[in-house]
């Protein structure tokens, strides 16, 4: 929603399940810490 350009060229959002723990995160490496903090924030809330 915030940065659609990250998902270019096809705008596909990867969806993970608990069975996908060994799956690579398809997201730019320098933004992955933001994903980590979001997950922690959601859990903390």
ModelCIF file with pLDDT and N, C-alpha, C, O atoms, coordinates in Angstrom:
data_MODEL
#
_entry.id   MODEL 
#
_entity.id                         1 
_entity.type                       polymer 
_entity.pdbx_number_of_molecules   1 
#
_entity_poly.entity_id                      1 
_entity_poly.type                           'polypeptide(L)' 
_entity_poly.nstd_linkage                   no 
_entity_poly.nstd_monomer                   no 
_entity_poly.pdbx_seq_one_letter_code       
;(UNK)(UNK)(UNK)(UNK)(UNK)(UNK)(UNK)(UNK)(UNK)(UNK)(UNK)(UNK)(UNK)(UNK)(UNK)(UNK)
(UNK)(UNK)(UNK)(UNK)(UNK)(UNK)(UNK)(UNK)(UNK)(UNK)(UNK)(UNK)(UNK)(UNK)(UNK)(UNK)
(UNK)(UNK)(UNK)(UNK)(UNK)(UNK)(UNK)(UNK)(UNK)(UNK)(UNK)(UNK)(UNK)
;
_entity_poly.pdbx_seq_one_letter_code_can   XXXXXXXXXXXXXXXXXXXXXXXXXXXXXXXXXXXXXXXXXXXXX 
_entity_poly.pdbx_strand_id                 A 
#
loop_
_entity_poly_seq.entity_id 
_entity_poly_seq.num 
_entity_poly_seq.mon_id 
_entity_poly_seq.hetero 
1 1  UNK n 
1 2  UNK n 
1 3  UNK n 
1 4  UNK n 
1 5  UNK n 
1 6  UNK n 
1 7  UNK n 
1 8  UNK n 
1 9  UNK n 
1 10 UNK n 
1 11 UNK n 
1 12 UNK n 
1 13 UNK n 
1 14 UNK n 
1 15 UNK n 
1 16 UNK n 
1 17 UNK n 
1 18 UNK n 
1 19 UNK n 
1 20 UNK n 
1 21 UNK n 
1 22 UNK n 
1 23 UNK n 
1 24 UNK n 
1 25 UNK n 
1 26 UNK n 
1 27 UNK n 
1 28 UNK n 
1 29 UNK n 
1 30 UNK n 
1 31 UNK n 
1 32 UNK n 
1 33 UNK n 
1 34 UNK n 
1 35 UNK n 
1 36 UNK n 
1 37 UNK n 
1 38 UNK n 
1 39 UNK n 
1 40 UNK n 
1 41 UNK n 
1 42 UNK n 
1 43 UNK n 
1 44 UNK n 
1 45 UNK n 
#
_struct_asym.id          A 
_struct_asym.entity_id   1 
#
loop_
_ma_qa_metric.id 
_ma_qa_metric.mode 
_ma_qa_metric.name 
_ma_qa_metric.software_group_id 
_ma_qa_metric.type 
1 global pLDDT . pLDDT 
2 local  pLDDT . pLDDT 
#
_ma_qa_metric_global.metric_id      1 
_ma_qa_metric_global.metric_value   93.20 
_ma_qa_metric_global.model_id       1 
_ma_qa_metric_global.ordinal_id     1 
#
loop_
_ma_qa_metric_local.label_asym_id 
_ma_qa_metric_local.label_comp_id 
_ma_qa_metric_local.label_seq_id 
_ma_qa_metric_local.metric_id 
_ma_qa_metric_local.metric_value 
_ma_qa_metric_local.model_id 
_ma_qa_metric_local.ordinal_id 
A UNK 1  2 94.00 1 1  
A UNK 2  2 94.00 1 2  
A UNK 3  2 93.00 1 3  
A UNK 4  2 93.00 1 4  
A UNK 5  2 93.00 1 5  
A UNK 6  2 91.00 1 6  
A UNK 7  2 91.00 1 7  
A UNK 8  2 89.00 1 8  
A UNK 9  2 89.00 1 9  
A UNK 10 2 86.00 1 10 
A UNK 11 2 86.00 1 11 
A UNK 12 2 90.00 1 12 
A UNK 13 2 92.00 1 13 
A UNK 14 2 92.00 1 14 
A UNK 15 2 95.00 1 15 
A UNK 16 2 96.00 1 16 
A UNK 17 2 96.00 1 17 
A UNK 18 2 95.00 1 18 
A UNK 19 2 96.00 1 19 
A UNK 20 2 95.00 1 20 
A UNK 21 2 95.00 1 21 
A UNK 22 2 95.00 1 22 
A UNK 23 2 95.00 1 23 
A UNK 24 2 94.00 1 24 
A UNK 25 2 94.00 1 25 
A UNK 26 2 89.00 1 26 
A UNK 27 2 92.00 1 27 
A UNK 28 2 92.00 1 28 
A UNK 29 2 91.00 1 29 
A UNK 30 2 91.00 1 30 
A UNK 31 2 94.00 1 31 
A UNK 32 2 95.00 1 32 
A UNK 33 2 95.00 1 33 
A UNK 34 2 96.00 1 34 
A UNK 35 2 96.00 1 35 
A UNK 36 2 97.00 1 36 
A UNK 37 2 97.00 1 37 
A UNK 38 2 97.00 1 38 
A UNK 39 2 97.00 1 39 
A UNK 40 2 96.00 1 40 
A UNK 41 2 95.00 1 41 
A UNK 42 2 94.00 1 42 
A UNK 43 2 93.00 1 43 
A UNK 44 2 89.00 1 44 
A UNK 45 2 89.00 1 45 
#
loop_
_atom_site.group_PDB 
_atom_site.id 
_atom_site.type_symbol 
_atom_site.label_atom_id 
_atom_site.label_alt_id 
_atom_site.label_comp_id 
_atom_site.label_asym_id 
_atom_site.label_entity_id 
_atom_site.label_seq_id 
_atom_site.pdbx_PDB_ins_code 
_atom_site.Cartn_x 
_atom_site.Cartn_y 
_atom_site.Cartn_z 
_atom_site.occupancy 
_atom_site.B_iso_or_equiv 
_atom_site.pdbx_formal_charge 
_atom_site.auth_seq_id 
_atom_site.auth_comp_id 
_atom_site.auth_asym_id 
_atom_site.auth_atom_id 
_atom_site.pdbx_PDB_model_num 
ATOM 1   N N  . UNK A 1 1  ? 0.828  -1.208  0.000   1.00 94.00 ? 1  UNK A N  1 
ATOM 2   C CA . UNK A 1 1  ? 0.000  0.000   0.000   1.00 94.00 ? 1  UNK A CA 1 
ATOM 3   C C  . UNK A 1 1  ? 0.859  1.252   0.000   1.00 94.00 ? 1  UNK A C  1 
ATOM 4   O O  . UNK A 1 1  ? 0.569  2.211   -0.716  1.00 94.00 ? 1  UNK A O  1 
ATOM 5   N N  . UNK A 1 2  ? 1.912  1.243   0.801   1.00 94.00 ? 2  UNK A N  1 
ATOM 6   C CA . UNK A 1 2  ? 2.744  2.432   0.962   1.00 94.00 ? 2  UNK A CA 1 
ATOM 7   C C  . UNK A 1 2  ? 3.776  2.582   -0.161  1.00 94.00 ? 2  UNK A C  1 
ATOM 8   O O  . UNK A 1 2  ? 3.986  3.681   -0.675  1.00 94.00 ? 2  UNK A O  1 
ATOM 9   N N  . UNK A 1 3  ? 4.415  1.473   -0.537  1.00 93.00 ? 3  UNK A N  1 
ATOM 10  C CA . UNK A 1 3  ? 5.474  1.504   -1.544  1.00 93.00 ? 3  UNK A CA 1 
ATOM 11  C C  . UNK A 1 3  ? 5.227  0.451   -2.618  1.00 93.00 ? 3  UNK A C  1 
ATOM 12  O O  . UNK A 1 3  ? 5.927  -0.561  -2.646  1.00 93.00 ? 3  UNK A O  1 
ATOM 13  N N  . UNK A 1 4  ? 4.264  0.654   -3.493  1.00 93.00 ? 4  UNK A N  1 
ATOM 14  C CA . UNK A 1 4  ? 3.985  -0.343  -4.527  1.00 93.00 ? 4  UNK A CA 1 
ATOM 15  C C  . UNK A 1 4  ? 5.159  -0.583  -5.470  1.00 93.00 ? 4  UNK A C  1 
ATOM 16  O O  . UNK A 1 4  ? 5.253  -1.646  -6.084  1.00 93.00 ? 4  UNK A O  1 
ATOM 17  N N  . UNK A 1 5  ? 6.053  0.394   -5.589  1.00 93.00 ? 5  UNK A N  1 
ATOM 18  C CA . UNK A 1 5  ? 7.200  0.237   -6.484  1.00 93.00 ? 5  UNK A CA 1 
ATOM 19  C C  . UNK A 1 5  ? 8.134  -0.888  -6.044  1.00 93.00 ? 5  UNK A C  1 
ATOM 20  O O  . UNK A 1 5  ? 8.874  -1.429  -6.865  1.00 93.00 ? 5  UNK A O  1 
ATOM 21  N N  . UNK A 1 6  ? 8.109  -1.244  -4.769  1.00 91.00 ? 6  UNK A N  1 
ATOM 22  C CA . UNK A 1 6  ? 8.948  -2.341  -4.283  1.00 91.00 ? 6  UNK A CA 1 
ATOM 23  C C  . UNK A 1 6  ? 8.545  -3.661  -4.942  1.00 91.00 ? 6  UNK A C  1 
ATOM 24  O O  . UNK A 1 6  ? 9.375  -4.555  -5.102  1.00 91.00 ? 6  UNK A O  1 
ATOM 25  N N  . UNK A 1 7  ? 7.296  -3.780  -5.315  1.00 91.00 ? 7  UNK A N  1 
ATOM 26  C CA . UNK A 1 7  ? 6.769  -5.037  -5.848  1.00 91.00 ? 7  UNK A CA 1 
ATOM 27  C C  . UNK A 1 7  ? 6.744  -5.068  -7.385  1.00 91.00 ? 7  UNK A C  1 
ATOM 28  O O  . UNK A 1 7  ? 6.119  -5.942  -7.986  1.00 91.00 ? 7  UNK A O  1 
ATOM 29  N N  . UNK A 1 8  ? 7.429  -4.107  -8.006  1.00 89.00 ? 8  UNK A N  1 
ATOM 30  C CA . UNK A 1 8  ? 7.511  -4.116  -9.471  1.00 89.00 ? 8  UNK A CA 1 
ATOM 31  C C  . UNK A 1 8  ? 8.317  -5.308  -9.939  1.00 89.00 ? 8  UNK A C  1 
ATOM 32  O O  . UNK A 1 8  ? 9.181  -5.755  -9.184  1.00 89.00 ? 8  UNK A O  1 
ATOM 33  N N  . UNK A 1 9  ? 8.109  -5.850  -11.103 1.00 89.00 ? 9  UNK A N  1 
ATOM 34  C CA . UNK A 1 9  ? 7.260  -5.361  -12.174 1.00 89.00 ? 9  UNK A CA 1 
ATOM 35  C C  . UNK A 1 9  ? 5.846  -5.927  -12.150 1.00 89.00 ? 9  UNK A C  1 
ATOM 36  O O  . UNK A 1 9  ? 4.988  -5.431  -12.879 1.00 89.00 ? 9  UNK A O  1 
ATOM 37  N N  . UNK A 1 10 ? 5.572  -6.945  -11.341 1.00 86.00 ? 10 UNK A N  1 
ATOM 38  C CA . UNK A 1 10 ? 4.260  -7.599  -11.456 1.00 86.00 ? 10 UNK A CA 1 
ATOM 39  C C  . UNK A 1 10 ? 3.318  -7.325  -10.285 1.00 86.00 ? 10 UNK A C  1 
ATOM 40  O O  . UNK A 1 10 ? 2.174  -7.779  -10.310 1.00 86.00 ? 10 UNK A O  1 
ATOM 41  N N  . UNK A 1 11 ? 3.764  -6.597  -9.263  1.00 86.00 ? 11 UNK A N  1 
ATOM 42  C CA . UNK A 1 11 ? 2.943  -6.220  -8.115  1.00 86.00 ? 11 UNK A CA 1 
ATOM 43  C C  . UNK A 1 11 ? 2.399  -7.408  -7.326  1.00 86.00 ? 11 UNK A C  1 
ATOM 44  O O  . UNK A 1 11 ? 1.366  -7.283  -6.668  1.00 86.00 ? 11 UNK A O  1 
ATOM 45  N N  . UNK A 1 12 ? 3.064  -8.545  -7.379  1.00 90.00 ? 12 UNK A N  1 
ATOM 46  C CA . UNK A 1 12 ? 2.612  -9.724  -6.638  1.00 90.00 ? 12 UNK A CA 1 
ATOM 47  C C  . UNK A 1 12 ? 3.136  -9.664  -5.214  1.00 90.00 ? 12 UNK A C  1 
ATOM 48  O O  . UNK A 1 12 ? 4.333  -9.494  -4.986  1.00 90.00 ? 12 UNK A O  1 
ATOM 49  N N  . UNK A 1 13 ? 2.226  -9.807  -4.257  1.00 92.00 ? 13 UNK A N  1 
ATOM 50  C CA . UNK A 1 13 ? 2.590  -9.822  -2.847  1.00 92.00 ? 13 UNK A CA 1 
ATOM 51  C C  . UNK A 1 13 ? 2.757  -11.274 -2.422  1.00 92.00 ? 13 UNK A C  1 
ATOM 52  O O  . UNK A 1 13 ? 1.812  -12.053 -2.546  1.00 92.00 ? 13 UNK A O  1 
ATOM 53  N N  . UNK A 1 14 ? 3.927  -11.665 -1.926  1.00 92.00 ? 14 UNK A N  1 
ATOM 54  C CA . UNK A 1 14 ? 4.066  -13.045 -1.455  1.00 92.00 ? 14 UNK A CA 1 
ATOM 55  C C  . UNK A 1 14 ? 3.241  -13.262 -0.196  1.00 92.00 ? 14 UNK A C  1 
ATOM 56  O O  . UNK A 1 14 ? 3.207  -12.406 0.688   1.00 92.00 ? 14 UNK A O  1 
ATOM 57  N N  . UNK A 1 15 ? 2.582  -14.397 -0.118  1.00 95.00 ? 15 UNK A N  1 
ATOM 58  C CA . UNK A 1 15 ? 1.798  -14.775 1.054   1.00 95.00 ? 15 UNK A CA 1 
ATOM 59  C C  . UNK A 1 15 ? 2.429  -16.032 1.629   1.00 95.00 ? 15 UNK A C  1 
ATOM 60  O O  . UNK A 1 15 ? 2.610  -17.026 0.925   1.00 95.00 ? 15 UNK A O  1 
ATOM 61  N N  . UNK A 1 16 ? 2.763  -15.981 2.911   1.00 96.00 ? 16 UNK A N  1 
ATOM 62  C CA . UNK A 1 16 ? 3.426  -17.099 3.563   1.00 96.00 ? 16 UNK A CA 1 
ATOM 63  C C  . UNK A 1 16 ? 2.475  -17.783 4.536   1.00 96.00 ? 16 UNK A C  1 
ATOM 64  O O  . UNK A 1 16 ? 1.559  -17.161 5.073   1.00 96.00 ? 16 UNK A O  1 
ATOM 65  N N  . UNK A 1 17 ? 2.707  -19.072 4.752   1.00 96.00 ? 17 UNK A N  1 
ATOM 66  C CA . UNK A 1 17 ? 1.960  -19.838 5.739   1.00 96.00 ? 17 UNK A CA 1 
ATOM 67  C C  . UNK A 1 17 ? 2.962  -20.392 6.749   1.00 96.00 ? 17 UNK A C  1 
ATOM 68  O O  . UNK A 1 17 ? 4.166  -20.351 6.495   1.00 96.00 ? 17 UNK A O  1 
ATOM 69  N N  . UNK A 1 18 ? 2.499  -20.904 7.877   1.00 95.00 ? 18 UNK A N  1 
ATOM 70  C CA . UNK A 1 18 ? 3.431  -21.487 8.840   1.00 95.00 ? 18 UNK A CA 1 
ATOM 71  C C  . UNK A 1 18 ? 4.237  -22.650 8.257   1.00 95.00 ? 18 UNK A C  1 
ATOM 72  O O  . UNK A 1 18 ? 5.293  -22.992 8.789   1.00 95.00 ? 18 UNK A O  1 
ATOM 73  N N  . UNK A 1 19 ? 3.762  -23.251 7.192   1.00 96.00 ? 19 UNK A N  1 
ATOM 74  C CA . UNK A 1 19 ? 4.505  -24.333 6.536   1.00 96.00 ? 19 UNK A CA 1 
ATOM 75  C C  . UNK A 1 19 ? 5.649  -23.798 5.676   1.00 96.00 ? 19 UNK A C  1 
ATOM 76  O O  . UNK A 1 19 ? 6.495  -24.570 5.224   1.00 96.00 ? 19 UNK A O  1 
ATOM 77  N N  . UNK A 1 20 ? 5.681  -22.496 5.446   1.00 95.00 ? 20 UNK A N  1 
ATOM 78  C CA . UNK A 1 20 ? 6.688  -21.879 4.581   1.00 95.00 ? 20 UNK A CA 1 
ATOM 79  C C  . UNK A 1 20 ? 7.859  -21.273 5.356   1.00 95.00 ? 20 UNK A C  1 
ATOM 80  O O  . UNK A 1 20 ? 8.459  -20.302 4.894   1.00 95.00 ? 20 UNK A O  1 
ATOM 81  N N  . UNK A 1 21 ? 8.191  -21.819 6.508   1.00 95.00 ? 21 UNK A N  1 
ATOM 82  C CA . UNK A 1 21 ? 9.229  -21.221 7.337   1.00 95.00 ? 21 UNK A CA 1 
ATOM 83  C C  . UNK A 1 21 ? 10.590 -21.196 6.649   1.00 95.00 ? 21 UNK A C  1 
ATOM 84  O O  . UNK A 1 21 ? 11.404 -20.316 6.931   1.00 95.00 ? 21 UNK A O  1 
ATOM 85  N N  . UNK A 1 22 ? 10.850 -22.136 5.761   1.00 95.00 ? 22 UNK A N  1 
ATOM 86  C CA . UNK A 1 22 ? 12.145 -22.162 5.076   1.00 95.00 ? 22 UNK A CA 1 
ATOM 87  C C  . UNK A 1 22 ? 12.144 -21.325 3.795   1.00 95.00 ? 22 UNK A C  1 
ATOM 88  O O  . UNK A 1 22 ? 13.159 -21.253 3.100   1.00 95.00 ? 22 UNK A O  1 
ATOM 89  N N  . UNK A 1 23 ? 11.013 -20.697 3.481   1.00 95.00 ? 23 UNK A N  1 
ATOM 90  C CA . UNK A 1 23 ? 10.905 -19.893 2.261   1.00 95.00 ? 23 UNK A CA 1 
ATOM 91  C C  . UNK A 1 23 ? 11.697 -18.598 2.393   1.00 95.00 ? 23 UNK A C  1 
ATOM 92  O O  . UNK A 1 23 ? 11.735 -17.988 3.462   1.00 95.00 ? 23 UNK A O  1 
ATOM 93  N N  . UNK A 1 24 ? 12.317 -18.191 1.315   1.00 94.00 ? 24 UNK A N  1 
ATOM 94  C CA . UNK A 1 24 ? 13.024 -16.914 1.278   1.00 94.00 ? 24 UNK A CA 1 
ATOM 95  C C  . UNK A 1 24 ? 12.025 -15.770 1.280   1.00 94.00 ? 24 UNK A C  1 
ATOM 96  O O  . UNK A 1 24 ? 10.967 -15.851 0.656   1.00 94.00 ? 24 UNK A O  1 
ATOM 97  N N  . UNK A 1 25 ? 12.370 -14.711 1.984   1.00 94.00 ? 25 UNK A N  1 
ATOM 98  C CA . UNK A 1 25 ? 11.516 -13.524 1.992   1.00 94.00 ? 25 UNK A CA 1 
ATOM 99  C C  . UNK A 1 25 ? 11.813 -12.727 0.734   1.00 94.00 ? 25 UNK A C  1 
ATOM 100 O O  . UNK A 1 25 ? 12.935 -12.263 0.527   1.00 94.00 ? 25 UNK A O  1 
ATOM 101 N N  . UNK A 1 26 ? 10.811 -12.574 -0.091  1.00 89.00 ? 26 UNK A N  1 
ATOM 102 C CA . UNK A 1 26 ? 10.966 -11.852 -1.349  1.00 89.00 ? 26 UNK A CA 1 
ATOM 103 C C  . UNK A 1 26 ? 10.623 -10.384 -1.115  1.00 89.00 ? 26 UNK A C  1 
ATOM 104 O O  . UNK A 1 26 ? 9.512  -9.923  -1.376  1.00 89.00 ? 26 UNK A O  1 
ATOM 105 N N  . UNK A 1 27 ? 11.622 -9.680  -0.614  1.00 92.00 ? 27 UNK A N  1 
ATOM 106 C CA . UNK A 1 27 ? 11.462 -8.280  -0.235  1.00 92.00 ? 27 UNK A CA 1 
ATOM 107 C C  . UNK A 1 27 ? 12.863 -7.692  -0.190  1.00 92.00 ? 27 UNK A C  1 
ATOM 108 O O  . UNK A 1 27 ? 13.795 -8.387  0.214   1.00 92.00 ? 27 UNK A O  1 
ATOM 109 N N  . UNK A 1 28 ? 13.050 -6.433  -0.589  1.00 92.00 ? 28 UNK A N  1 
ATOM 110 C CA . UNK A 1 28 ? 14.396 -5.862  -0.570  1.00 92.00 ? 28 UNK A CA 1 
ATOM 111 C C  . UNK A 1 28 ? 15.052 -5.994  0.810   1.00 92.00 ? 28 UNK A C  1 
ATOM 112 O O  . UNK A 1 28 ? 14.432 -5.724  1.839   1.00 92.00 ? 28 UNK A O  1 
ATOM 113 N N  . UNK A 1 29 ? 16.295 -6.408  0.803   1.00 91.00 ? 29 UNK A N  1 
ATOM 114 C CA . UNK A 1 29 ? 17.004 -6.712  2.048   1.00 91.00 ? 29 UNK A CA 1 
ATOM 115 C C  . UNK A 1 29 ? 17.049 -5.531  3.019   1.00 91.00 ? 29 UNK A C  1 
ATOM 116 O O  . UNK A 1 29 ? 16.901 -5.719  4.227   1.00 91.00 ? 29 UNK A O  1 
ATOM 117 N N  . UNK A 1 30 ? 17.248 -4.332  2.509   1.00 91.00 ? 30 UNK A N  1 
ATOM 118 C CA . UNK A 1 30 ? 17.389 -3.176  3.402   1.00 91.00 ? 30 UNK A CA 1 
ATOM 119 C C  . UNK A 1 30 ? 16.063 -2.706  3.987   1.00 91.00 ? 30 UNK A C  1 
ATOM 120 O O  . UNK A 1 30 ? 16.060 -1.797  4.817   1.00 91.00 ? 30 UNK A O  1 
ATOM 121 N N  . UNK A 1 31 ? 14.937 -3.293  3.585   1.00 94.00 ? 31 UNK A N  1 
ATOM 122 C CA . UNK A 1 31 ? 13.639 -2.983  4.182   1.00 94.00 ? 31 UNK A CA 1 
ATOM 123 C C  . UNK A 1 31 ? 13.133 -4.103  5.088   1.00 94.00 ? 31 UNK A C  1 
ATOM 124 O O  . UNK A 1 31 ? 12.081 -3.957  5.710   1.00 94.00 ? 31 UNK A O  1 
ATOM 125 N N  . UNK A 1 32 ? 13.846 -5.195  5.173   1.00 95.00 ? 32 UNK A N  1 
ATOM 126 C CA . UNK A 1 32 ? 13.362 -6.337  5.955   1.00 95.00 ? 32 UNK A CA 1 
ATOM 127 C C  . UNK A 1 32 ? 13.278 -6.045  7.441   1.00 95.00 ? 32 UNK A C  1 
ATOM 128 O O  . UNK A 1 32 ? 12.445 -6.630  8.134   1.00 95.00 ? 32 UNK A O  1 
ATOM 129 N N  . UNK A 1 33 ? 14.119 -5.156  7.948   1.00 95.00 ? 33 UNK A N  1 
ATOM 130 C CA . UNK A 1 33 ? 14.028 -4.818  9.370   1.00 95.00 ? 33 UNK A CA 1 
ATOM 131 C C  . UNK A 1 33 ? 12.689 -4.144  9.674   1.00 95.00 ? 33 UNK A C  1 
ATOM 132 O O  . UNK A 1 33 ? 12.162 -4.292  10.777  1.00 95.00 ? 33 UNK A O  1 
ATOM 133 N N  . UNK A 1 34 ? 12.133 -3.404  8.707   1.00 96.00 ? 34 UNK A N  1 
ATOM 134 C CA . UNK A 1 34 ? 10.817 -2.792  8.901   1.00 96.00 ? 34 UNK A CA 1 
ATOM 135 C C  . UNK A 1 34 ? 9.745  -3.875  9.038   1.00 96.00 ? 34 UNK A C  1 
ATOM 136 O O  . UNK A 1 34 ? 8.805  -3.730  9.819   1.00 96.00 ? 34 UNK A O  1 
ATOM 137 N N  . UNK A 1 35 ? 9.892  -4.964  8.269   1.00 96.00 ? 35 UNK A N  1 
ATOM 138 C CA . UNK A 1 35 ? 8.959  -6.092  8.425   1.00 96.00 ? 35 UNK A CA 1 
ATOM 139 C C  . UNK A 1 35 ? 9.067  -6.681  9.822   1.00 96.00 ? 35 UNK A C  1 
ATOM 140 O O  . UNK A 1 35 ? 8.058  -6.991  10.454  1.00 96.00 ? 35 UNK A O  1 
ATOM 141 N N  . UNK A 1 36 ? 10.298 -6.835  10.299  1.00 97.00 ? 36 UNK A N  1 
ATOM 142 C CA . UNK A 1 36 ? 10.527 -7.385  11.637  1.00 97.00 ? 36 UNK A CA 1 
ATOM 143 C C  . UNK A 1 36 ? 9.868  -6.522  12.701  1.00 97.00 ? 36 UNK A C  1 
ATOM 144 O O  . UNK A 1 36 ? 9.184  -7.040  13.584  1.00 97.00 ? 36 UNK A O  1 
ATOM 145 N N  . UNK A 1 37 ? 10.065 -5.225  12.625  1.00 97.00 ? 37 UNK A N  1 
ATOM 146 C CA . UNK A 1 37 ? 9.481  -4.328  13.627  1.00 97.00 ? 37 UNK A CA 1 
ATOM 147 C C  . UNK A 1 37 ? 7.958  -4.306  13.544  1.00 97.00 ? 37 UNK A C  1 
ATOM 148 O O  . UNK A 1 37 ? 7.287  -4.179  14.568  1.00 97.00 ? 37 UNK A O  1 
ATOM 149 N N  . UNK A 1 38 ? 7.408  -4.427  12.347  1.00 97.00 ? 38 UNK A N  1 
ATOM 150 C CA . UNK A 1 38 ? 5.957  -4.493  12.182  1.00 97.00 ? 38 UNK A CA 1 
ATOM 151 C C  . UNK A 1 38 ? 5.412  -5.739  12.861  1.00 97.00 ? 38 UNK A C  1 
ATOM 152 O O  . UNK A 1 38 ? 4.417  -5.673  13.583  1.00 97.00 ? 38 UNK A O  1 
ATOM 153 N N  . UNK A 1 39 ? 6.066  -6.886  12.631  1.00 97.00 ? 39 UNK A N  1 
ATOM 154 C CA . UNK A 1 39 ? 5.625  -8.149  13.247  1.00 97.00 ? 39 UNK A CA 1 
ATOM 155 C C  . UNK A 1 39 ? 5.671  -8.029  14.769  1.00 97.00 ? 39 UNK A C  1 
ATOM 156 O O  . UNK A 1 39 ? 4.734  -8.447  15.448  1.00 97.00 ? 39 UNK A O  1 
ATOM 157 N N  . UNK A 1 40 ? 6.743  -7.465  15.306  1.00 96.00 ? 40 UNK A N  1 
ATOM 158 C CA . UNK A 1 40 ? 6.856  -7.291  16.761  1.00 96.00 ? 40 UNK A CA 1 
ATOM 159 C C  . UNK A 1 40 ? 5.771  -6.350  17.285  1.00 96.00 ? 40 UNK A C  1 
ATOM 160 O O  . UNK A 1 40 ? 5.176  -6.602  18.332  1.00 96.00 ? 40 UNK A O  1 
ATOM 161 N N  . UNK A 1 41 ? 5.522  -5.281  16.561  1.00 95.00 ? 41 UNK A N  1 
ATOM 162 C CA . UNK A 1 41 ? 4.489  -4.336  16.974  1.00 95.00 ? 41 UNK A CA 1 
ATOM 163 C C  . UNK A 1 41 ? 3.110  -4.965  16.987  1.00 95.00 ? 41 UNK A C  1 
ATOM 164 O O  . UNK A 1 41 ? 2.329  -4.747  17.914  1.00 95.00 ? 41 UNK A O  1 
ATOM 165 N N  . UNK A 1 42 ? 2.807  -5.749  15.953  1.00 94.00 ? 42 UNK A N  1 
ATOM 166 C CA . UNK A 1 42 ? 1.501  -6.434  15.910  1.00 94.00 ? 42 UNK A CA 1 
ATOM 167 C C  . UNK A 1 42 ? 1.360  -7.398  17.093  1.00 94.00 ? 42 UNK A C  1 
ATOM 168 O O  . UNK A 1 42 ? 0.307  -7.456  17.728  1.00 94.00 ? 42 UNK A O  1 
ATOM 169 N N  . UNK A 1 43 ? 2.415  -8.147  17.382  1.00 93.00 ? 43 UNK A N  1 
ATOM 170 C CA . UNK A 1 43 ? 2.370  -9.095  18.501  1.00 93.00 ? 43 UNK A CA 1 
ATOM 171 C C  . UNK A 1 43 ? 2.227  -8.348  19.816  1.00 93.00 ? 43 UNK A C  1 
ATOM 172 O O  . UNK A 1 43 ? 1.450  -8.749  20.683  1.00 93.00 ? 43 UNK A O  1 
ATOM 173 N N  . UNK A 1 44 ? 2.960  -7.285  19.962  1.00 89.00 ? 44 UNK A N  1 
ATOM 174 C CA . UNK A 1 44 ? 2.922  -6.514  21.210  1.00 89.00 ? 44 UNK A CA 1 
ATOM 175 C C  . UNK A 1 44 ? 1.551  -5.873  21.427  1.00 89.00 ? 44 UNK A C  1 
ATOM 176 O O  . UNK A 1 44 ? 1.071  -5.805  22.558  1.00 89.00 ? 44 UNK A O  1 
ATOM 177 N N  . UNK A 1 45 ? 0.928  -5.409  20.362  1.00 89.00 ? 45 UNK A N  1 
ATOM 178 C CA . UNK A 1 45 ? -0.396 -4.793  20.489  1.00 89.00 ? 45 UNK A CA 1 
ATOM 179 C C  . UNK A 1 45 ? -1.441 -5.785  20.962  1.00 89.00 ? 45 UNK A C  1 
ATOM 180 O O  . UNK A 1 45 ? -2.607 -5.424  21.120  1.00 89.00 ? 45 UNK A O  1 
#
